[in-house]
């Protein structure tokens, strides 16, 4: 007798990317995010963070930078 592994234990691995139930878009959606196809609007905190990071390097970002970006001070 073989142990029961469930109805779809490995089936999702054989499906093409984008059709899996646990792909990136789905994971982002259930966590409250979405994958954008366009850059953020220039007056948003994310645009400010990206501009700062492209000028100073991503490794220079700290939590304070994110707070400043949200407050419109970055």
Protein backbone atom coordinates (compact mmCIF):
# COMPACT_ATOMS: atom_id res chain seq x y z
CA UNK A 1 0.00 0.00 0.00
CA UNK A 2 1.38 3.43 -1.00
CA UNK A 3 1.07 6.42 1.35
CA UNK A 4 -1.48 9.01 0.34
CA UNK A 5 0.23 12.16 -0.95
CA UNK A 6 -2.86 14.19 -1.74
CA UNK A 7 -4.71 14.82 -4.98
CA UNK A 8 -2.29 17.41 -6.34
CA UNK A 9 0.89 16.90 -4.36
CA UNK A 10 3.26 17.43 -7.31
CA UNK A 11 0.96 18.36 -10.16
CA UNK A 12 1.48 22.12 -9.82
CA UNK A 13 5.20 21.75 -10.59
CA UNK A 14 4.37 20.43 -14.05
CA UNK A 15 2.13 23.34 -15.00
CA UNK A 16 3.59 26.30 -16.93
CA UNK A 17 4.67 29.32 -14.91
CA UNK A 18 1.82 31.79 -14.45
CA UNK A 19 -0.73 29.00 -14.15
CA UNK A 20 0.52 27.72 -10.82
CA UNK A 21 -1.66 28.55 -7.84
CA UNK A 22 1.37 29.86 -5.94
CA UNK A 23 3.13 32.05 -8.50
CA UNK A 24 4.57 35.49 -7.71
CA UNK A 25 1.50 37.50 -8.74
CA UNK A 26 -0.71 35.36 -6.50
CA UNK A 27 1.70 35.61 -3.57
CA UNK A 28 1.83 39.39 -3.92
CA UNK A 29 -1.95 39.63 -4.19
CA UNK A 30 -2.62 37.68 -0.99
CA UNK A 31 -0.11 39.83 0.89
CA UNK A 32 -1.71 43.07 -0.29
CA UNK A 33 0.69 43.99 -3.09
CA UNK A 34 0.54 43.90 -6.86
CA UNK A 35 3.13 43.54 -9.58
CA UNK A 36 3.23 46.79 -11.55
CA UNK A 37 3.90 46.94 -15.27
CA UNK A 38 4.71 50.66 -15.24
CA UNK A 39 7.02 52.78 -13.07
CA UNK A 40 5.43 54.59 -10.12
CA UNK A 41 4.09 58.12 -10.55
CA UNK A 42 6.84 60.70 -9.86
CA UNK A 43 5.13 62.17 -6.79
CA UNK A 44 4.84 58.89 -4.85
CA UNK A 45 7.03 57.68 -1.97
CA UNK A 46 8.17 54.71 -4.05
CA UNK A 47 9.35 56.99 -6.86
CA UNK A 48 11.28 59.07 -4.33
CA UNK A 49 12.94 55.94 -2.90
CA UNK A 50 13.86 54.66 -6.35
CA UNK A 51 15.31 58.04 -7.36
CA UNK A 52 17.36 58.25 -4.17
CA UNK A 53 18.58 54.68 -4.53
CA UNK A 54 19.61 55.15 -8.16
CA UNK A 55 21.68 58.18 -7.13
CA UNK A 56 23.17 56.89 -3.84
CA UNK A 57 22.90 53.10 -4.17
CA UNK A 58 20.31 50.71 -2.79
CA UNK A 59 22.63 49.63 0.01
CA UNK A 60 22.49 53.16 1.46
CA UNK A 61 18.73 53.00 2.13
CA UNK A 62 17.63 52.84 5.75
CA UNK A 63 14.26 52.80 7.48
CA UNK A 64 14.61 56.55 7.95
CA UNK A 65 14.70 57.05 4.18
CA UNK A 66 11.37 55.26 3.83
CA UNK A 67 9.83 57.42 6.56
CA UNK A 68 11.16 60.57 4.88
CA UNK A 69 9.79 59.42 1.52
CA UNK A 70 6.34 58.82 3.03
CA UNK A 71 6.43 62.29 4.59
CA UNK A 72 7.45 63.83 1.25
CA UNK A 73 10.82 65.00 2.60
CA UNK A 74 13.15 62.82 0.56
